[in-house]
């Protein structure tokens, strides 16, 4: 029996972590000496005063589009989960649209980032299905994935508020969030 996941959804779910991790790696290499990926955020790479900010901006836009395309192709996920994943994609694109200024903060950026992190952490809990479907969409697995993603976002928020390796915790949380749709897509591919 053929898979119910379209090939393009597998491509888009693969593109999200590749664009995000590749984007922050390449953009960090283009920054002047002193940039520290452990301490400096992903948003700093797309900030108004960043060197070659277009690299991270493009990566964020690609990630957002990839999440929206993946959401449209995950027909085996519950509609609520697909909607929340797509909203996470839109919010990720808004992070790129509202970059950090050279000085101070940006309310648009902060709200967009919070929405993106929130939506991409909780979408698995809304995507599960009963029955013998793909493993990644079973209730226990979906809820566990959401709890792990929420814990990683909480870790990032705690370091953002209290100090610590903000760049590292953000990259761990964002990287995990970018990889989970791929895990779901692969699970759907393996379960006809």
C-alpha atoms as a PDB file:
ATOM      1  CA  UNK A   1       0.000   0.000   0.000  1.00  0.00           C
ATOM      2  CA  UNK A   2       1.485   3.386  -0.936  1.00  0.00           C
ATOM      3  CA  UNK A   3       2.155   6.069   1.628  1.00  0.00           C
ATOM      4  CA  UNK A   4      -0.500   8.720   2.186  1.00  0.00           C
ATOM      5  CA  UNK A   5       2.193  11.358   2.677  1.00  0.00           C
ATOM      6  CA  UNK A   6       2.947  13.284  -0.518  1.00  0.00           C
ATOM      7  CA  UNK A   7       6.611  13.429  -1.538  1.00  0.00           C
ATOM      8  CA  UNK A   8       6.606  17.220  -1.301  1.00  0.00           C
ATOM      9  CA  UNK A   9       5.620  17.083   2.383  1.00  0.00           C
ATOM     10  CA  UNK A  10       8.659  14.911   3.051  1.00  0.00           C
ATOM     11  CA  UNK A  11      10.828  17.407   1.164  1.00  0.00           C
ATOM     12  CA  UNK A  12       9.394  20.387   3.075  1.00  0.00           C
ATOM     13  CA  UNK A  13       9.734  18.658   6.450  1.00  0.00           C
ATOM     14  CA  UNK A  14      13.385  17.952   5.604  1.00  0.00           C
ATOM     15  CA  UNK A  15      13.942  21.509   4.378  1.00  0.00           C
ATOM     16  CA  UNK A  16      12.937  23.101   7.701  1.00  0.00           C
ATOM     17  CA  UNK A  17      15.806  21.776   9.883  1.00  0.00           C
ATOM     18  CA  UNK A  18      18.284  22.014   7.003  1.00  0.00           C
ATOM     19  CA  UNK A  19      17.393  25.681   6.386  1.00  0.00           C
ATOM     20  CA  UNK A  20      17.362  26.569  10.084  1.00  0.00           C
ATOM     21  CA  UNK A  21      20.564  24.841  11.145  1.00  0.00           C
ATOM     22  CA  UNK A  22      22.342  25.623   7.891  1.00  0.00           C
ATOM     23  CA  UNK A  23      21.167  29.227   8.090  1.00  0.00           C
ATOM     24  CA  UNK A  24      22.372  29.856  11.625  1.00  0.00           C
ATOM     25  CA  UNK A  25      25.677  28.087  10.927  1.00  0.00           C
ATOM     26  CA  UNK A  26      26.432  30.028   7.756  1.00  0.00           C
ATOM     27  CA  UNK A  27      25.194  33.353   9.164  1.00  0.00           C
ATOM     28  CA  UNK A  28      27.295  32.927  12.322  1.00  0.00           C
ATOM     29  CA  UNK A  29      30.407  32.368  10.208  1.00  0.00           C
ATOM     30  CA  UNK A  30      29.783  35.685   8.450  1.00  0.00           C
ATOM     31  CA  UNK A  31      29.678  37.680  11.693  1.00  0.00           C
ATOM     32  CA  UNK A  32      32.678  39.644  12.888  1.00  0.00           C
ATOM     33  CA  UNK A  33      35.026  38.215  15.498  1.00  0.00           C
ATOM     34  CA  UNK A  34      33.423  38.028  18.895  1.00  0.00           C
ATOM     35  CA  UNK A  35      30.098  36.523  17.821  1.00  0.00           C
ATOM     36  CA  UNK A  36      29.386  33.570  20.100  1.00  0.00           C
ATOM     37  CA  UNK A  37      26.659  31.128  19.043  1.00  0.00           C
ATOM     38  CA  UNK A  38      26.435  29.851  22.610  1.00  0.00           C
ATOM     39  CA  UNK A  39      25.613  33.302  23.978  1.00  0.00           C
ATOM     40  CA  UNK A  40      24.103  35.168  20.994  1.00  0.00           C
ATOM     41  CA  UNK A  41      20.626  34.424  19.702  1.00  0.00           C
ATOM     42  CA  UNK A  42      19.463  33.320  16.280  1.00  0.00           C
ATOM     43  CA  UNK A  43      17.606  36.629  16.030  1.00  0.00           C
ATOM     44  CA  UNK A  44      20.915  38.485  16.379  1.00  0.00           C
ATOM     45  CA  UNK A  45      21.946  36.892  13.081  1.00  0.00           C
ATOM     46  CA  UNK A  46      18.974  38.518  11.328  1.00  0.00           C
ATOM     47  CA  UNK A  47      19.097  41.795  13.273  1.00  0.00           C
ATOM     48  CA  UNK A  48      19.241  45.095  11.411  1.00  0.00           C
ATOM     49  CA  UNK A  49      22.944  45.538  12.216  1.00  0.00           C
ATOM     50  CA  UNK A  50      24.042  41.918  11.556  1.00  0.00           C
ATOM     51  CA  UNK A  51      26.572  41.190   8.845  1.00  0.00           C
ATOM     52  CA  UNK A  52      24.812  39.554   5.881  1.00  0.00           C
ATOM     53  CA  UNK A  53      21.539  39.479   7.797  1.00  0.00           C
ATOM     54  CA  UNK A  54      19.815  38.319   4.637  1.00  0.00           C
ATOM     55  CA  UNK A  55      21.199  34.796   5.263  1.00  0.00           C
ATOM     56  CA  UNK A  56      19.301  34.242   8.500  1.00  0.00           C
ATOM     57  CA  UNK A  57      16.289  36.205   7.285  1.00  0.00           C
ATOM     58  CA  UNK A  58      16.044  33.940   4.240  1.00  0.00           C
ATOM     59  CA  UNK A  59      16.507  30.858   6.407  1.00  0.00           C
ATOM     60  CA  UNK A  60      13.657  31.917   8.736  1.00  0.00           C
ATOM     61  CA  UNK A  61      11.368  32.591   5.773  1.00  0.00           C
ATOM     62  CA  UNK A  62      12.225  29.163   4.329  1.00  0.00           C
ATOM     63  CA  UNK A  63      11.535  27.450   7.650  1.00  0.00           C
ATOM     64  CA  UNK A  64       8.159  29.177   7.926  1.00  0.00           C
ATOM     65  CA  UNK A  65       7.133  28.201   4.411  1.00  0.00           C
ATOM     66  CA  UNK A  66       8.370  24.645   4.975  1.00  0.00           C
ATOM     67  CA  UNK A  67       6.215  24.288   8.100  1.00  0.00           C
ATOM     68  CA  UNK A  68       3.150  25.545   6.224  1.00  0.00           C
ATOM     69  CA  UNK A  69       3.754  23.152   3.319  1.00  0.00           C
ATOM     70  CA  UNK A  70       4.371  20.253   5.697  1.00  0.00           C
ATOM     71  CA  UNK A  71       1.155  21.053   7.579  1.00  0.00           C
ATOM     72  CA  UNK A  72      -0.812  20.906   4.342  1.00  0.00           C
ATOM     73  CA  UNK A  73       0.646  17.490   3.513  1.00  0.00           C
ATOM     74  CA  UNK A  74       0.242  15.774   6.898  1.00  0.00           C
ATOM     75  CA  UNK A  75      -3.252  14.486   6.170  1.00  0.00           C
ATOM     76  CA  UNK A  76      -2.896  11.770   8.813  1.00  0.00           C
ATOM     77  CA  UNK A  77      -2.449  14.345  11.583  1.00  0.00           C
ATOM     78  CA  UNK A  78      -5.512  15.844  13.239  1.00  0.00           C
ATOM     79  CA  UNK A  79      -6.634  19.108  11.615  1.00  0.00           C
ATOM     80  CA  UNK A  80      -6.040  21.090  14.817  1.00  0.00           C
ATOM     81  CA  UNK A  81      -2.395  20.033  14.891  1.00  0.00           C
ATOM     82  CA  UNK A  82      -1.936  20.883  11.237  1.00  0.00           C
ATOM     83  CA  UNK A  83      -3.418  24.337  11.803  1.00  0.00           C
ATOM     84  CA  UNK A  84      -1.160  25.003  14.793  1.00  0.00           C
ATOM     85  CA  UNK A  85       1.907  23.838  12.818  1.00  0.00           C
ATOM     86  CA  UNK A  86       0.964  26.181   9.958  1.00  0.00           C
ATOM     87  CA  UNK A  87       0.478  29.046  12.425  1.00  0.00           C
ATOM     88  CA  UNK A  88       3.939  28.297  13.801  1.00  0.00           C
ATOM     89  CA  UNK A  89       5.238  28.626  10.254  1.00  0.00           C
ATOM     90  CA  UNK A  90       3.524  31.982   9.773  1.00  0.00           C
ATOM     91  CA  UNK A  91       4.886  33.230  13.107  1.00  0.00           C
ATOM     92  CA  UNK A  92       8.392  32.091  12.101  1.00  0.00           C
ATOM     93  CA  UNK A  93       8.132  34.180   8.940  1.00  0.00           C
ATOM     94  CA  UNK A  94       6.987  37.138  11.045  1.00  0.00           C
ATOM     95  CA  UNK A  95      10.161  36.783  13.134  1.00  0.00           C
ATOM     96  CA  UNK A  96      12.037  37.506   9.896  1.00  0.00           C
ATOM     97  CA  UNK A  97       9.685  40.354   8.956  1.00  0.00           C
ATOM     98  CA  UNK A  98      10.221  42.053  12.340  1.00  0.00           C
ATOM     99  CA  UNK A  99      14.010  41.913  12.892  1.00  0.00           C
ATOM    100  CA  UNK A 100      15.702  43.113  16.026  1.00  0.00           C
ATOM    101  CA  UNK A 101      16.783  46.765  15.740  1.00  0.00           C
ATOM    102  CA  UNK A 102      20.392  47.847  16.236  1.00  0.00           C
ATOM    103  CA  UNK A 103      19.477  49.133  19.718  1.00  0.00           C
ATOM    104  CA  UNK A 104      16.766  47.962  22.093  1.00  0.00           C
ATOM    105  CA  UNK A 105      13.973  45.501  21.480  1.00  0.00           C
ATOM    106  CA  UNK A 106      11.111  45.063  19.065  1.00  0.00           C
ATOM    107  CA  UNK A 107       7.587  44.264  20.280  1.00  0.00           C
ATOM    108  CA  UNK A 108       6.698  42.768  16.878  1.00  0.00           C
ATOM    109  CA  UNK A 109       9.728  40.510  16.995  1.00  0.00           C
ATOM    110  CA  UNK A 110       9.091  39.446  20.587  1.00  0.00           C
ATOM    111  CA  UNK A 111       5.428  38.600  19.968  1.00  0.00           C
ATOM    112  CA  UNK A 112       6.224  36.758  16.725  1.00  0.00           C
ATOM    113  CA  UNK A 113       8.994  34.726  18.364  1.00  0.00           C
ATOM    114  CA  UNK A 114       6.783  33.849  21.341  1.00  0.00           C
ATOM    115  CA  UNK A 115       3.967  32.729  19.022  1.00  0.00           C
ATOM    116  CA  UNK A 116       6.362  30.684  16.898  1.00  0.00           C
ATOM    117  CA  UNK A 117       7.976  28.955  19.878  1.00  0.00           C
ATOM    118  CA  UNK A 118       4.585  28.347  21.494  1.00  0.00           C
ATOM    119  CA  UNK A 119       2.841  26.979  18.408  1.00  0.00           C
ATOM    120  CA  UNK A 120       5.752  24.791  17.366  1.00  0.00           C
ATOM    121  CA  UNK A 121       5.955  23.339  20.877  1.00  0.00           C
ATOM    122  CA  UNK A 122       2.271  22.456  21.269  1.00  0.00           C
ATOM    123  CA  UNK A 123       1.286  21.348  17.775  1.00  0.00           C
ATOM    124  CA  UNK A 124       2.177  17.674  18.417  1.00  0.00           C
ATOM    125  CA  UNK A 125      -0.326  17.548  21.290  1.00  0.00           C
ATOM    126  CA  UNK A 126      -3.059  18.711  18.897  1.00  0.00           C
ATOM    127  CA  UNK A 127      -2.015  16.412  16.027  1.00  0.00           C
ATOM    128  CA  UNK A 128      -2.507  12.951  17.535  1.00  0.00           C
ATOM    129  CA  UNK A 129      -4.971  10.383  16.221  1.00  0.00           C
ATOM    130  CA  UNK A 130      -6.506   7.345  17.860  1.00  0.00           C
ATOM    131  CA  UNK A 131      -5.910   3.934  16.400  1.00  0.00           C
ATOM    132  CA  UNK A 132      -2.999   2.157  14.826  1.00  0.00           C
ATOM    133  CA  UNK A 133      -1.708   5.025  12.745  1.00  0.00           C
ATOM    134  CA  UNK A 134       1.826   6.332  12.502  1.00  0.00           C
ATOM    135  CA  UNK A 135       3.788   6.000  15.750  1.00  0.00           C
ATOM    136  CA  UNK A 136       4.591   9.728  15.894  1.00  0.00           C
ATOM    137  CA  UNK A 137       0.863  10.554  15.797  1.00  0.00           C
ATOM    138  CA  UNK A 138      -0.207   8.202  18.588  1.00  0.00           C
ATOM    139  CA  UNK A 139      -1.533  10.044  21.657  1.00  0.00           C
ATOM    140  CA  UNK A 140       1.247   9.099  24.096  1.00  0.00           C
ATOM    141  CA  UNK A 141       4.020   9.918  21.622  1.00  0.00           C
ATOM    142  CA  UNK A 142       2.434  13.199  20.507  1.00  0.00           C
ATOM    143  CA  UNK A 143       1.856  14.404  24.050  1.00  0.00           C
ATOM    144  CA  UNK A 144       5.362  13.345  25.106  1.00  0.00           C
ATOM    145  CA  UNK A 145       6.841  15.223  22.140  1.00  0.00           C
ATOM    146  CA  UNK A 146       4.894  18.349  23.073  1.00  0.00           C
ATOM    147  CA  UNK A 147       6.043  18.100  26.696  1.00  0.00           C
ATOM    148  CA  UNK A 148       9.687  17.764  25.631  1.00  0.00           C
ATOM    149  CA  UNK A 149       9.390  20.698  23.217  1.00  0.00           C
ATOM    150  CA  UNK A 150       7.673  22.810  25.894  1.00  0.00           C
ATOM    151  CA  UNK A 151      10.427  21.917  28.385  1.00  0.00           C
ATOM    152  CA  UNK A 152      13.086  23.009  25.887  1.00  0.00           C
ATOM    153  CA  UNK A 153      11.263  26.297  25.267  1.00  0.00           C
ATOM    154  CA  UNK A 154      10.985  26.734  29.042  1.00  0.00           C
ATOM    155  CA  UNK A 155      14.731  26.175  29.384  1.00  0.00           C
ATOM    156  CA  UNK A 156      15.349  28.815  26.719  1.00  0.00           C
ATOM    157  CA  UNK A 157      12.950  31.247  28.424  1.00  0.00           C
ATOM    158  CA  UNK A 158      14.660  30.681  31.772  1.00  0.00           C
ATOM    159  CA  UNK A 159      18.110  31.448  30.334  1.00  0.00           C
ATOM    160  CA  UNK A 160      16.708  34.450  28.480  1.00  0.00           C
ATOM    161  CA  UNK A 161      15.274  35.839  31.716  1.00  0.00           C
ATOM    162  CA  UNK A 162      17.998  34.800  34.126  1.00  0.00           C
ATOM    163  CA  UNK A 163      21.176  34.607  32.122  1.00  0.00           C
ATOM    164  CA  UNK A 164      23.117  31.682  30.830  1.00  0.00           C
ATOM    165  CA  UNK A 165      23.850  30.193  27.426  1.00  0.00           C
ATOM    166  CA  UNK A 166      20.876  31.830  25.664  1.00  0.00           C
ATOM    167  CA  UNK A 167      22.144  31.047  22.167  1.00  0.00           C
ATOM    168  CA  UNK A 168      22.687  27.397  23.000  1.00  0.00           C
ATOM    169  CA  UNK A 169      19.294  26.876  24.642  1.00  0.00           C
ATOM    170  CA  UNK A 170      17.523  28.687  21.798  1.00  0.00           C
ATOM    171  CA  UNK A 171      19.272  26.547  19.186  1.00  0.00           C
ATOM    172  CA  UNK A 172      18.421  23.328  21.035  1.00  0.00           C
ATOM    173  CA  UNK A 173      14.740  24.315  21.337  1.00  0.00           C
ATOM    174  CA  UNK A 174      14.403  25.666  17.796  1.00  0.00           C
ATOM    175  CA  UNK A 175      16.331  22.744  16.320  1.00  0.00           C
ATOM    176  CA  UNK A 176      14.104  20.201  18.059  1.00  0.00           C
ATOM    177  CA  UNK A 177      10.999  22.062  16.911  1.00  0.00           C
ATOM    178  CA  UNK A 178      12.260  22.066  13.316  1.00  0.00           C
ATOM    179  CA  UNK A 179      13.020  18.328  13.458  1.00  0.00           C
ATOM    180  CA  UNK A 180       9.723  17.047  14.906  1.00  0.00           C
ATOM    181  CA  UNK A 181       7.658  17.619  11.720  1.00  0.00           C
ATOM    182  CA  UNK A 182      10.286  15.558   9.871  1.00  0.00           C
ATOM    183  CA  UNK A 183       9.943  12.770  12.457  1.00  0.00           C
ATOM    184  CA  UNK A 184       6.165  12.821  11.966  1.00  0.00           C
ATOM    185  CA  UNK A 185       6.520  12.810   8.173  1.00  0.00           C
ATOM    186  CA  UNK A 186       8.924   9.861   8.286  1.00  0.00           C
ATOM    187  CA  UNK A 187       6.555   8.034  10.612  1.00  0.00           C
ATOM    188  CA  UNK A 188       3.699   8.643   8.173  1.00  0.00           C
ATOM    189  CA  UNK A 189       5.872   7.406   5.294  1.00  0.00           C
ATOM    190  CA  UNK A 190       6.606   4.167   7.126  1.00  0.00           C
ATOM    191  CA  UNK A 191       2.977   3.481   8.034  1.00  0.00           C
ATOM    192  CA  UNK A 192       0.784   2.949   4.957  1.00  0.00           C
END
